[in-house]
Protein backbone atom coordinates (compact mmCIF):
# COMPACT_ATOMS: atom_id res chain seq x y z
CA UNK A 1 0.00 0.00 0.00
CA UNK A 2 1.25 3.48 -0.81
CA UNK A 3 1.95 5.16 2.52
CA UNK A 4 4.15 8.06 1.48
CA UNK A 5 5.89 9.87 -1.37
CA UNK A 6 8.75 7.34 -1.50
CA UNK A 7 6.33 4.39 -1.79
CA UNK A 8 4.42 6.29 -4.50
CA UNK A 9 7.61 6.73 -6.54
CA UNK A 10 8.64 3.12 -5.98
CA UNK A 11 5.26 1.79 -7.15
CA UNK A 12 5.43 3.94 -10.30
CA UNK A 13 8.94 2.70 -11.05
CA UNK A 14 7.87 -0.93 -10.52
CA UNK A 15 4.83 -0.44 -12.78
CA UNK A 16 7.05 1.14 -15.45
CA UNK A 17 9.45 -1.82 -15.38
CA UNK A 18 6.58 -4.36 -15.45
CA UNK A 19 5.12 -2.63 -18.52
CA UNK A 20 8.50 -2.88 -20.25
CA UNK A 21 8.98 0.90 -20.46
CA UNK A 22 12.68 1.61 -20.44
CA UNK A 23 13.36 5.25 -21.24
CA UNK A 24 10.59 7.69 -20.57
CA UNK A 25 8.94 8.38 -17.25
CA UNK A 26 6.14 10.47 -18.73
CA UNK A 27 3.60 9.06 -21.15
CA UNK A 28 3.39 10.39 -24.69
CA UNK A 29 0.76 13.07 -25.31
CA UNK A 30 -1.11 10.80 -27.75
CA UNK A 31 -1.36 7.13 -26.96
CA UNK A 32 0.06 5.52 -23.81
CA UNK A 33 -3.41 5.36 -22.26
CA UNK A 34 -2.58 2.30 -20.17
CA UNK A 35 0.52 3.97 -18.72
CA UNK A 36 -1.57 7.12 -18.04
CA UNK A 37 -4.16 4.90 -16.32
CA UNK A 38 -1.56 3.29 -14.06
CA UNK A 39 -0.07 6.68 -13.15
CA UNK A 40 -3.54 7.98 -12.23
CA UNK A 41 -4.27 4.81 -10.25
CA UNK A 42 -1.15 5.42 -8.15
CA UNK A 43 -1.98 9.15 -7.75
CA UNK A 44 -5.46 8.29 -6.49
CA UNK A 45 -3.98 5.75 -4.06
CA UNK A 46 -1.53 8.37 -2.80
CA UNK A 47 -4.38 10.89 -2.43
CA UNK A 48 -6.54 8.44 -0.47
CA UNK A 49 -3.78 7.16 1.80
CA UNK A 50 -1.56 10.20 2.37
CA UNK A 51 -3.01 13.60 1.52
CA UNK A 52 -4.82 15.61 4.18
CA UNK A 53 -6.53 19.01 4.19
CA UNK A 54 -8.77 21.03 1.93
CA UNK A 55 -6.27 21.51 -0.93
CA UNK A 56 -5.58 17.77 -0.87
CA UNK A 57 -9.32 17.13 -1.11
CA UNK A 58 -9.54 19.25 -4.27
CA UNK A 59 -6.49 17.61 -5.83
CA UNK A 60 -7.89 14.18 -4.92
CA UNK A 61 -11.26 14.97 -6.52
CA UNK A 62 -9.50 16.09 -9.72
CA UNK A 63 -7.40 12.91 -9.88
CA UNK A 64 -10.46 10.71 -9.18
CA UNK A 65 -12.40 12.45 -11.97
CA UNK A 66 -9.60 11.90 -14.50
CA UNK A 67 -9.10 8.32 -13.28
CA UNK A 68 -12.82 7.55 -13.66
CA UNK A 69 -12.95 8.99 -17.20
CA UNK A 70 -9.91 7.02 -18.32
CA UNK A 71 -11.22 3.84 -16.64
CA UNK A 72 -14.46 4.09 -18.59
CA UNK A 73 -12.61 4.82 -21.83
CA UNK A 74 -10.35 1.77 -21.44
CA UNK A 75 -12.98 -0.56 -19.99
CA UNK A 76 -11.12 -1.08 -16.69
CA UNK A 77 -12.84 -1.44 -13.33
CA UNK A 78 -9.82 -1.51 -11.06
CA UNK A 79 -10.26 0.17 -7.66
CA UNK A 80 -7.41 1.80 -5.74
CA UNK A 81 -5.32 -0.08 -3.15
CA UNK A 82 -5.77 -3.53 -4.71
CA UNK A 83 -2.47 -4.15 -6.52
CA UNK A 84 1.03 -3.71 -5.15
CA UNK A 85 3.83 -2.42 -7.39
CA UNK A 86 4.55 -3.95 -10.77
CA UNK A 87 1.01 -3.99 -12.18
CA UNK A 88 1.11 -4.73 -15.91
CA UNK A 89 -1.85 -4.36 -18.26
CA UNK A 90 -0.61 -4.94 -21.82
CA UNK A 91 -3.87 -4.40 -23.76
CA UNK A 92 -7.13 -2.47 -23.75
CA UNK A 93 -10.25 -4.44 -22.95
CA UNK A 94 -12.64 -5.08 -20.14
CA UNK A 95 -10.93 -5.88 -16.85
CA UNK A 96 -13.02 -6.11 -13.68
CA UNK A 97 -11.47 -6.40 -10.21
CA UNK A 98 -13.39 -6.41 -6.92
CA UNK A 99 -12.33 -3.77 -4.39
CA UNK A 100 -11.50 -6.36 -1.71
CA UNK A 101 -8.99 -8.26 -3.84
CA UNK A 102 -5.43 -8.14 -2.49
CA UNK A 103 -2.76 -8.80 -5.11
CA UNK A 104 0.99 -9.01 -4.67
CA UNK A 105 3.89 -7.65 -6.68
CA UNK A 106 4.20 -7.97 -10.47
CA UNK A 107 0.69 -9.00 -11.43
CA UNK A 108 -0.08 -9.10 -15.18
CA UNK A 109 -3.67 -8.90 -16.40
CA UNK A 110 -4.57 -9.61 -20.02
CA UNK A 111 -7.83 -8.31 -21.51
CA UNK A 112 -11.13 -9.81 -20.33
CA UNK A 113 -9.88 -10.78 -16.86
CA UNK A 114 -12.38 -10.79 -13.97
CA UNK A 115 -11.34 -11.17 -10.34
CA UNK A 116 -14.43 -10.93 -8.17
CA UNK A 117 -16.56 -12.05 -5.26
CA UNK A 118 -19.55 -14.37 -5.54
CA UNK A 119 -22.95 -14.97 -4.01
CA UNK A 120 -23.30 -11.54 -2.45
CA UNK A 121 -20.13 -12.04 -0.41
CA UNK A 122 -17.63 -9.25 -0.03
CA UNK A 123 -14.72 -11.63 0.34
CA UNK A 124 -12.46 -11.78 -2.70
CA UNK A 125 -9.19 -13.32 -3.86
CA UNK A 126 -5.78 -12.99 -2.26
CA UNK A 127 -3.15 -13.23 -5.00
CA UNK A 128 0.57 -13.82 -4.50
CA UNK A 129 3.55 -12.21 -6.21
CA UNK A 130 4.48 -12.66 -9.89
CA UNK A 131 1.09 -13.96 -11.05
CA UNK A 132 -0.16 -13.93 -14.64
CA UNK A 133 -3.79 -14.03 -15.80
CA UNK A 134 -4.39 -14.87 -19.47
CA UNK A 135 -7.09 -13.42 -21.72
CA UNK A 136 -10.56 -14.01 -20.33
CA UNK A 137 -9.39 -15.67 -17.10
CA UNK A 138 -11.85 -15.55 -14.21
CA UNK A 139 -11.11 -15.79 -10.48
CA UNK A 140 -14.34 -16.12 -8.54
CA UNK A 141 -14.77 -15.97 -4.77
CA UNK A 142 -12.48 -15.81 -1.76
CA UNK A 143 -9.73 -17.98 -3.19
CA UNK A 144 -6.02 -17.83 -2.46
CA UNK A 145 -3.47 -17.98 -5.28
CA UNK A 146 0.17 -18.77 -4.51
CA UNK A 147 3.24 -16.94 -5.84
CA UNK A 148 4.48 -17.41 -9.43
CA UNK A 149 1.20 -18.90 -10.72
CA UNK A 150 0.04 -18.58 -14.34
CA UNK A 151 -3.70 -18.83 -15.03
CA UNK A 152 -4.32 -19.60 -18.70
CA UNK A 153 -6.69 -17.92 -21.12
CA UNK A 154 -10.35 -18.61 -20.39
CA UNK A 155 -9.62 -20.49 -17.16
CA UNK A 156 -12.07 -20.24 -14.26
CA UNK A 157 -10.51 -20.42 -10.79
CA UNK A 158 -12.99 -21.24 -8.02
CA UNK A 159 -10.69 -23.06 -5.55
CA UNK A 160 -7.43 -22.19 -3.85
CA UNK A 161 -4.19 -22.62 -5.79
CA UNK A 162 -1.67 -23.40 -3.05
CA UNK A 163 1.19 -24.77 -5.15
CA UNK A 164 3.56 -21.98 -6.21
CA UNK A 165 5.20 -21.93 -9.63
CA UNK A 166 2.47 -23.78 -11.52
CA UNK A 167 0.25 -23.22 -14.55
CA UNK A 168 -3.52 -23.69 -14.43
CA UNK A 169 -6.10 -23.83 -17.23
CA UNK A 170 -9.61 -25.06 -18.00
CA UNK A 171 -13.10 -24.74 -16.56
CA UNK A 172 -12.83 -25.29 -13.65
CA UNK A 173 -9.09 -24.57 -13.55
CA UNK A 174 -6.80 -27.57 -13.12
CA UNK A 175 -3.03 -27.76 -12.87
CA UNK A 176 -1.59 -28.49 -16.30
CA UNK A 177 2.14 -28.30 -15.53
CA UNK A 178 4.82 -27.13 -13.11
CA UNK A 179 5.94 -24.16 -15.20
CA UNK A 180 5.93 -20.84 -13.34
CA UNK A 181 4.60 -17.52 -14.61
CA UNK A 182 7.98 -15.88 -15.29
CA UNK A 183 7.93 -16.45 -19.05
CA UNK A 184 4.69 -14.41 -19.23
CA UNK A 185 6.07 -11.45 -17.25
CA UNK A 186 8.56 -8.75 -18.27
CA UNK A 187 12.08 -10.14 -17.78
CA UNK A 188 13.31 -6.83 -16.31
CA UNK A 189 11.32 -7.27 -13.08
CA UNK A 190 13.56 -10.19 -12.12
CA UNK A 191 16.82 -8.33 -12.79
CA UNK A 192 16.08 -5.04 -11.03
């Protein structure tokens, strides 16, 4: 969770590395909507967790407004304070994440991913570090996912995945091999 200016900068740097951005810190004026979205996500988290006072309230409202507009444009429903540093979203497309999800470092979400609660419950998934979710993957309910897990395209996870460094696919998701998620993540996150 972002708890100060240093954590805010660290999260942005981790997100930049996870997205494979090497040179520029600022997004281009045209394009780069996903990078702009992630920057606004981190600004809103900083506003919620750290800023106090009337001026901070105005700045926070402005950031939330811009964040909401860009979320709608991109089709993302990703609330603040869900993902730790290293969030990577490579493509536009509907992504829905419940506000009570807790995800670790270096999470990669392809288009069409849903991570939610079920049956009127407010309990949602707890996701480890270095996890990958393929196109159209669904994680439903209060499940726990271990570190270094890859969830394949179209898979539906409804039970805990306790074995780290494995790949899961199918409906319902079943372990298909012992390969970890690292080949699906940006290589630079493991060298920095």
